[in-house]
Amino acid sequence: MRMEYNYIKALHLIFVITWFAGLFYIVRLFVYQIEASQKRSPDKEILGEQFNIMAKRLWLIITWPSMVLAVLFAIWLMALRPFYLSEPWMQVKLGFVVLLIIYHLKCHTIYKQLQEGVIKYSSNFMRLFNEGATIILFSVVFLVILRNAVNWIYGVIGIILFSVLIMLGYKFYKKMREGKESHQ
């Protein structure tokens, strides 16, 4: 049973990685789709069509299947080792997984809107929104690796500090972009 568990765990990790890759890239494509919609013709139509195709392929061929397979392999792992469900670190991890699934579903809503040419968010909002998956990824990796070795208070403080650093980095990047645009 140990070998079976390791194979399933490896497959779970592979699909978690491809799921995150898809989530990171789809939001980047959202930024490009939104910015393309603000260009003049014919660039607007050419870029818009290309980004729609890229988003569709990424979302439907890579990201959705990766999420489904990651979740299915996770359920299989839990069936093989149900005692993990009583561990506090696993309960917190599952909370983050629920947040990630909500994030994924929100991305799906935005994906559908952009495919129909409906733009409800700015490219700057999307750049910031992209950091949601990053925060969840960092939280889950540290949680799984450290498990009970870290005091929960330090973990929460660490996530908050990491989030603040991301926000500061975003603001710095935005100022740099605005400075470059004003010089052009």
C-alpha atoms as a PDB file:
ATOM      1  CA  MET A   1       0.000   0.000   0.000  1.00  0.00           C
ATOM      2  CA  ARG A   2       2.976   2.342   0.587  1.00  0.00           C
ATOM      3  CA  MET A   3       3.947   2.261  -3.114  1.00  0.00           C
ATOM      4  CA  GLU A   4       0.357   2.845  -4.223  1.00  0.00           C
ATOM      5  CA  TYR A   5       0.131   5.835  -1.883  1.00  0.00           C
ATOM      6  CA  ASN A   6       3.376   7.325  -3.228  1.00  0.00           C
ATOM      7  CA  TYR A   7       2.235   6.997  -6.858  1.00  0.00           C
ATOM      8  CA  ILE A   8      -1.098   8.624  -6.083  1.00  0.00           C
ATOM      9  CA  LYS A   9       0.656  11.363  -4.104  1.00  0.00           C
ATOM     10  CA  ALA A  10       3.022  12.010  -7.031  1.00  0.00           C
ATOM     11  CA  LEU A  11       0.085  12.264  -9.434  1.00  0.00           C
ATOM     12  CA  HIS A  12      -1.728  14.561  -7.012  1.00  0.00           C
ATOM     13  CA  LEU A  13       1.311  16.865  -6.827  1.00  0.00           C
ATOM     14  CA  ILE A  14       1.741  16.902 -10.614  1.00  0.00           C
ATOM     15  CA  PHE A  15      -1.855  17.984 -11.114  1.00  0.00           C
ATOM     16  CA  VAL A  16      -1.669  20.543  -8.288  1.00  0.00           C
ATOM     17  CA  ILE A  17       1.367  22.060 -10.045  1.00  0.00           C
ATOM     18  CA  THR A  18      -0.362  22.164 -13.446  1.00  0.00           C
ATOM     19  CA  TRP A  19      -3.504  23.557 -11.814  1.00  0.00           C
ATOM     20  CA  PHE A  20      -1.545  26.412 -10.247  1.00  0.00           C
ATOM     21  CA  ALA A  21       0.330  27.011 -13.497  1.00  0.00           C
ATOM     22  CA  GLY A  22      -3.016  27.322 -15.253  1.00  0.00           C
ATOM     23  CA  LEU A  23      -4.391  29.674 -12.602  1.00  0.00           C
ATOM     24  CA  PHE A  24      -1.311  31.893 -12.733  1.00  0.00           C
ATOM     25  CA  TYR A  25      -1.319  32.081 -16.521  1.00  0.00           C
ATOM     26  CA  ILE A  26      -5.069  32.483 -17.064  1.00  0.00           C
ATOM     27  CA  VAL A  27      -5.166  35.637 -14.955  1.00  0.00           C
ATOM     28  CA  ARG A  28      -2.162  36.937 -16.910  1.00  0.00           C
ATOM     29  CA  LEU A  29      -4.159  36.289 -20.088  1.00  0.00           C
ATOM     30  CA  PHE A  30      -7.049  38.208 -18.527  1.00  0.00           C
ATOM     31  CA  VAL A  31      -4.688  41.191 -18.184  1.00  0.00           C
ATOM     32  CA  TYR A  32      -3.708  40.888 -21.849  1.00  0.00           C
ATOM     33  CA  GLN A  33      -7.328  40.478 -22.985  1.00  0.00           C
ATOM     34  CA  ILE A  34      -8.396  43.583 -21.077  1.00  0.00           C
ATOM     35  CA  GLU A  35      -5.474  45.626 -22.390  1.00  0.00           C
ATOM     36  CA  ALA A  36      -6.071  44.397 -25.968  1.00  0.00           C
ATOM     37  CA  SER A  37      -9.688  45.581 -25.734  1.00  0.00           C
ATOM     38  CA  GLN A  38      -8.395  49.124 -25.215  1.00  0.00           C
ATOM     39  CA  LYS A  39      -6.267  49.180 -28.371  1.00  0.00           C
ATOM     40  CA  ARG A  40      -7.270  50.594 -31.737  1.00  0.00           C
ATOM     41  CA  SER A  41      -8.427  48.517 -34.682  1.00  0.00           C
ATOM     42  CA  PRO A  42      -7.160  46.239 -36.180  1.00  0.00           C
ATOM     43  CA  ASP A  43      -4.884  45.414 -33.207  1.00  0.00           C
ATOM     44  CA  LYS A  44      -7.892  45.202 -30.901  1.00  0.00           C
ATOM     45  CA  GLU A  45      -9.599  42.498 -32.954  1.00  0.00           C
ATOM     46  CA  ILE A  46      -6.457  40.536 -33.853  1.00  0.00           C
ATOM     47  CA  LEU A  47      -5.092  40.452 -30.304  1.00  0.00           C
ATOM     48  CA  GLY A  48      -8.528  39.909 -28.781  1.00  0.00           C
ATOM     49  CA  GLU A  49      -9.172  36.868 -30.950  1.00  0.00           C
ATOM     50  CA  GLN A  50      -5.720  35.396 -30.267  1.00  0.00           C
ATOM     51  CA  PHE A  51      -5.965  35.892 -26.504  1.00  0.00           C
ATOM     52  CA  ASN A  52      -9.461  34.362 -26.472  1.00  0.00           C
ATOM     53  CA  ILE A  53      -8.132  31.248 -28.231  1.00  0.00           C
ATOM     54  CA  MET A  54      -5.174  31.008 -25.860  1.00  0.00           C
ATOM     55  CA  ALA A  55      -7.408  31.443 -22.798  1.00  0.00           C
ATOM     56  CA  LYS A  56      -9.888  28.849 -24.032  1.00  0.00           C
ATOM     57  CA  ARG A  57      -7.215  26.234 -24.654  1.00  0.00           C
ATOM     58  CA  LEU A  58      -5.458  26.889 -21.341  1.00  0.00           C
ATOM     59  CA  TRP A  59      -8.660  26.940 -19.310  1.00  0.00           C
ATOM     60  CA  LEU A  60     -10.483  23.980 -20.834  1.00  0.00           C
ATOM     61  CA  ILE A  61      -7.567  21.694 -21.768  1.00  0.00           C
ATOM     62  CA  ILE A  62      -5.149  22.288 -18.874  1.00  0.00           C
ATOM     63  CA  THR A  63      -6.580  24.167 -15.894  1.00  0.00           C
ATOM     64  CA  TRP A  64     -10.006  22.548 -15.430  1.00  0.00           C
ATOM     65  CA  PRO A  65      -8.765  18.962 -15.971  1.00  0.00           C
ATOM     66  CA  SER A  66      -5.825  19.625 -13.618  1.00  0.00           C
ATOM     67  CA  MET A  67      -8.160  20.858 -10.886  1.00  0.00           C
ATOM     68  CA  VAL A  68     -10.475  17.882 -11.246  1.00  0.00           C
ATOM     69  CA  LEU A  69      -7.606  15.369 -11.235  1.00  0.00           C
ATOM     70  CA  ALA A  70      -5.831  17.078  -8.305  1.00  0.00           C
ATOM     71  CA  VAL A  71      -9.032  16.897  -6.263  1.00  0.00           C
ATOM     72  CA  LEU A  72      -9.765  13.281  -7.249  1.00  0.00           C
ATOM     73  CA  PHE A  73      -6.250  12.139  -6.320  1.00  0.00           C
ATOM     74  CA  ALA A  74      -6.519  14.098  -3.043  1.00  0.00           C
ATOM     75  CA  ILE A  75      -9.760  12.288  -2.194  1.00  0.00           C
ATOM     76  CA  TRP A  76      -8.071   8.973  -3.006  1.00  0.00           C
ATOM     77  CA  LEU A  77      -5.154   9.894  -0.706  1.00  0.00           C
ATOM     78  CA  MET A  78      -7.575  10.760   2.090  1.00  0.00           C
ATOM     79  CA  ALA A  79      -9.348   7.444   1.593  1.00  0.00           C
ATOM     80  CA  LEU A  80      -6.020   5.652   2.040  1.00  0.00           C
ATOM     81  CA  ARG A  81      -4.996   7.727   5.078  1.00  0.00           C
ATOM     82  CA  PRO A  82      -8.208   9.027   6.702  1.00  0.00           C
ATOM     83  CA  PHE A  83      -6.433   9.735  10.012  1.00  0.00           C
ATOM     84  CA  TYR A  84      -4.938  12.863   8.405  1.00  0.00           C
ATOM     85  CA  LEU A  85      -8.399  14.441   8.520  1.00  0.00           C
ATOM     86  CA  SER A  86      -8.149  14.695  12.300  1.00  0.00           C
ATOM     87  CA  GLU A  87      -4.858  16.649  12.079  1.00  0.00           C
ATOM     88  CA  PRO A  88      -5.238  20.435  12.564  1.00  0.00           C
ATOM     89  CA  TRP A  89      -2.754  21.241   9.760  1.00  0.00           C
ATOM     90  CA  MET A  90      -4.813  19.160   7.318  1.00  0.00           C
ATOM     91  CA  GLN A  91      -8.033  20.882   8.341  1.00  0.00           C
ATOM     92  CA  VAL A  92      -6.417  24.283   7.729  1.00  0.00           C
ATOM     93  CA  LYS A  93      -4.991  23.024   4.415  1.00  0.00           C
ATOM     94  CA  LEU A  94      -8.448  21.889   3.324  1.00  0.00           C
ATOM     95  CA  GLY A  95      -9.735  25.367   4.188  1.00  0.00           C
ATOM     96  CA  PHE A  96      -7.152  26.820   1.812  1.00  0.00           C
ATOM     97  CA  VAL A  97      -8.174  24.274  -0.832  1.00  0.00           C
ATOM     98  CA  VAL A  98     -11.765  25.476  -0.516  1.00  0.00           C
ATOM     99  CA  LEU A  99     -10.501  29.059  -1.005  1.00  0.00           C
ATOM    100  CA  LEU A 100      -8.546  27.912  -4.058  1.00  0.00           C
ATOM    101  CA  ILE A 101     -11.616  26.268  -5.560  1.00  0.00           C
ATOM    102  CA  ILE A 102     -13.599  29.493  -4.955  1.00  0.00           C
ATOM    103  CA  TYR A 103     -10.758  31.428  -6.643  1.00  0.00           C
ATOM    104  CA  HIS A 104     -10.875  28.961  -9.552  1.00  0.00           C
ATOM    105  CA  LEU A 105     -14.647  29.400  -9.918  1.00  0.00           C
ATOM    106  CA  LYS A 106     -14.260  33.209  -9.853  1.00  0.00           C
ATOM    107  CA  CYS A 107     -11.643  32.858 -12.607  1.00  0.00           C
ATOM    108  CA  HIS A 108     -14.161  30.791 -14.564  1.00  0.00           C
ATOM    109  CA  THR A 109     -16.740  33.562 -14.273  1.00  0.00           C
ATOM    110  CA  ILE A 110     -14.202  36.142 -15.482  1.00  0.00           C
ATOM    111  CA  TYR A 111     -13.085  33.777 -18.267  1.00  0.00           C
ATOM    112  CA  LYS A 112     -16.670  33.418 -19.538  1.00  0.00           C
ATOM    113  CA  GLN A 113     -17.228  37.183 -19.394  1.00  0.00           C
ATOM    114  CA  LEU A 114     -14.058  37.948 -21.334  1.00  0.00           C
ATOM    115  CA  GLN A 115     -14.868  35.280 -23.922  1.00  0.00           C
ATOM    116  CA  GLU A 116     -18.141  37.172 -24.515  1.00  0.00           C
ATOM    117  CA  GLY A 117     -16.350  40.543 -24.661  1.00  0.00           C
ATOM    118  CA  VAL A 118     -17.651  41.697 -21.271  1.00  0.00           C
ATOM    119  CA  ILE A 119     -15.018  43.545 -19.260  1.00  0.00           C
ATOM    120  CA  LYS A 120     -15.849  44.228 -15.629  1.00  0.00           C
ATOM    121  CA  TYR A 121     -12.350  44.651 -14.193  1.00  0.00           C
ATOM    122  CA  SER A 122      -9.258  46.700 -14.965  1.00  0.00           C
ATOM    123  CA  SER A 123      -5.945  45.162 -15.907  1.00  0.00           C
ATOM    124  CA  ASN A 124      -4.537  46.565 -12.647  1.00  0.00           C
ATOM    125  CA  PHE A 125      -7.228  44.741 -10.677  1.00  0.00           C
ATOM    126  CA  MET A 126      -6.336  41.509 -12.489  1.00  0.00           C
ATOM    127  CA  ARG A 127      -2.644  41.937 -11.663  1.00  0.00           C
ATOM    128  CA  LEU A 128      -3.571  42.207  -7.994  1.00  0.00           C
ATOM    129  CA  PHE A 129      -6.142  39.397  -8.234  1.00  0.00           C
ATOM    130  CA  ASN A 130      -3.382  37.142  -9.587  1.00  0.00           C
ATOM    131  CA  GLU A 131      -1.675  37.310  -6.205  1.00  0.00           C
ATOM    132  CA  GLY A 132      -4.570  35.460  -4.530  1.00  0.00           C
ATOM    133  CA  ALA A 133      -3.346  32.131  -5.895  1.00  0.00           C
ATOM    134  CA  THR A 134       0.208  33.009  -4.867  1.00  0.00           C
ATOM    135  CA  ILE A 135      -0.820  33.594  -1.251  1.00  0.00           C
ATOM    136  CA  ILE A 136      -2.762  30.320  -1.174  1.00  0.00           C
ATOM    137  CA  LEU A 137       0.182  28.430  -2.716  1.00  0.00           C
ATOM    138  CA  PHE A 138       2.665  29.780  -0.160  1.00  0.00           C
ATOM    139  CA  SER A 139       0.268  29.058   2.692  1.00  0.00           C
ATOM    140  CA  VAL A 140      -0.387  25.464   1.651  1.00  0.00           C
ATOM    141  CA  VAL A 141       3.257  24.610   0.920  1.00  0.00           C
ATOM    142  CA  PHE A 142       4.487  25.950   4.256  1.00  0.00           C
ATOM    143  CA  LEU A 143       1.580  24.306   6.066  1.00  0.00           C
ATOM    144  CA  VAL A 144       2.228  20.881   4.529  1.00  0.00           C
ATOM    145  CA  ILE A 145       5.999  21.009   4.922  1.00  0.00           C
ATOM    146  CA  LEU A 146       6.091  22.388   8.468  1.00  0.00           C
ATOM    147  CA  ARG A 147       2.822  20.835   9.695  1.00  0.00           C
ATOM    148  CA  ASN A 148       2.917  21.089  13.476  1.00  0.00           C
ATOM    149  CA  ALA A 149       6.448  22.491  13.707  1.00  0.00           C
ATOM    150  CA  VAL A 150       5.245  26.065  13.488  1.00  0.00           C
ATOM    151  CA  ASN A 151       3.104  27.923  15.938  1.00  0.00           C
ATOM    152  CA  TRP A 152      -0.184  28.972  14.290  1.00  0.00           C
ATOM    153  CA  ILE A 153       0.280  32.567  15.435  1.00  0.00           C
ATOM    154  CA  TYR A 154       3.612  32.802  13.596  1.00  0.00           C
ATOM    155  CA  GLY A 155       2.024  31.191  10.547  1.00  0.00           C
ATOM    156  CA  VAL A 156      -0.792  33.720  10.434  1.00  0.00           C
ATOM    157  CA  ILE A 157       1.644  36.597  10.988  1.00  0.00           C
ATOM    158  CA  GLY A 158       3.830  35.207   8.202  1.00  0.00           C
ATOM    159  CA  ILE A 159       0.903  35.040   5.756  1.00  0.00           C
ATOM    160  CA  ILE A 160      -0.121  38.599   6.644  1.00  0.00           C
ATOM    161  CA  LEU A 161       3.443  39.887   6.192  1.00  0.00           C
ATOM    162  CA  PHE A 162       3.774  38.033   2.899  1.00  0.00           C
ATOM    163  CA  SER A 163       0.481  39.545   1.710  1.00  0.00           C
ATOM    164  CA  VAL A 164       1.663  43.033   2.721  1.00  0.00           C
ATOM    165  CA  LEU A 165       4.924  42.491   0.799  1.00  0.00           C
ATOM    166  CA  ILE A 166       2.966  41.441  -2.279  1.00  0.00           C
ATOM    167  CA  MET A 167       0.782  44.554  -2.029  1.00  0.00           C
ATOM    168  CA  LEU A 168       3.827  46.802  -1.636  1.00  0.00           C
ATOM    169  CA  GLY A 169       5.470  45.106  -4.609  1.00  0.00           C
ATOM    170  CA  TYR A 170       2.304  45.633  -6.627  1.00  0.00           C
ATOM    171  CA  LYS A 171       2.181  49.343  -5.752  1.00  0.00           C
ATOM    172  CA  PHE A 172       5.867  49.745  -6.650  1.00  0.00           C
ATOM    173  CA  TYR A 173       5.317  47.950  -9.981  1.00  0.00           C
ATOM    174  CA  LYS A 174       2.257  50.102 -10.728  1.00  0.00           C
ATOM    175  CA  LYS A 175       4.238  53.295 -10.115  1.00  0.00           C
ATOM    176  CA  MET A 176       7.010  52.037 -12.394  1.00  0.00           C
ATOM    177  CA  ARG A 177       4.480  51.248 -15.159  1.00  0.00           C
ATOM    178  CA  GLU A 178       2.803  54.627 -14.804  1.00  0.00           C
ATOM    179  CA  GLY A 179       6.203  56.335 -14.941  1.00  0.00           C
ATOM    180  CA  LYS A 180       7.155  54.497 -18.133  1.00  0.00           C
ATOM    181  CA  GLU A 181       3.786  55.292 -19.746  1.00  0.00           C
ATOM    182  CA  SER A 182       4.096  59.002 -18.951  1.00  0.00           C
ATOM    183  CA  HIS A 183       7.549  59.118 -20.627  1.00  0.00           C
ATOM    184  CA  GLN A 184       6.255  57.580 -23.864  1.00  0.00           C
END
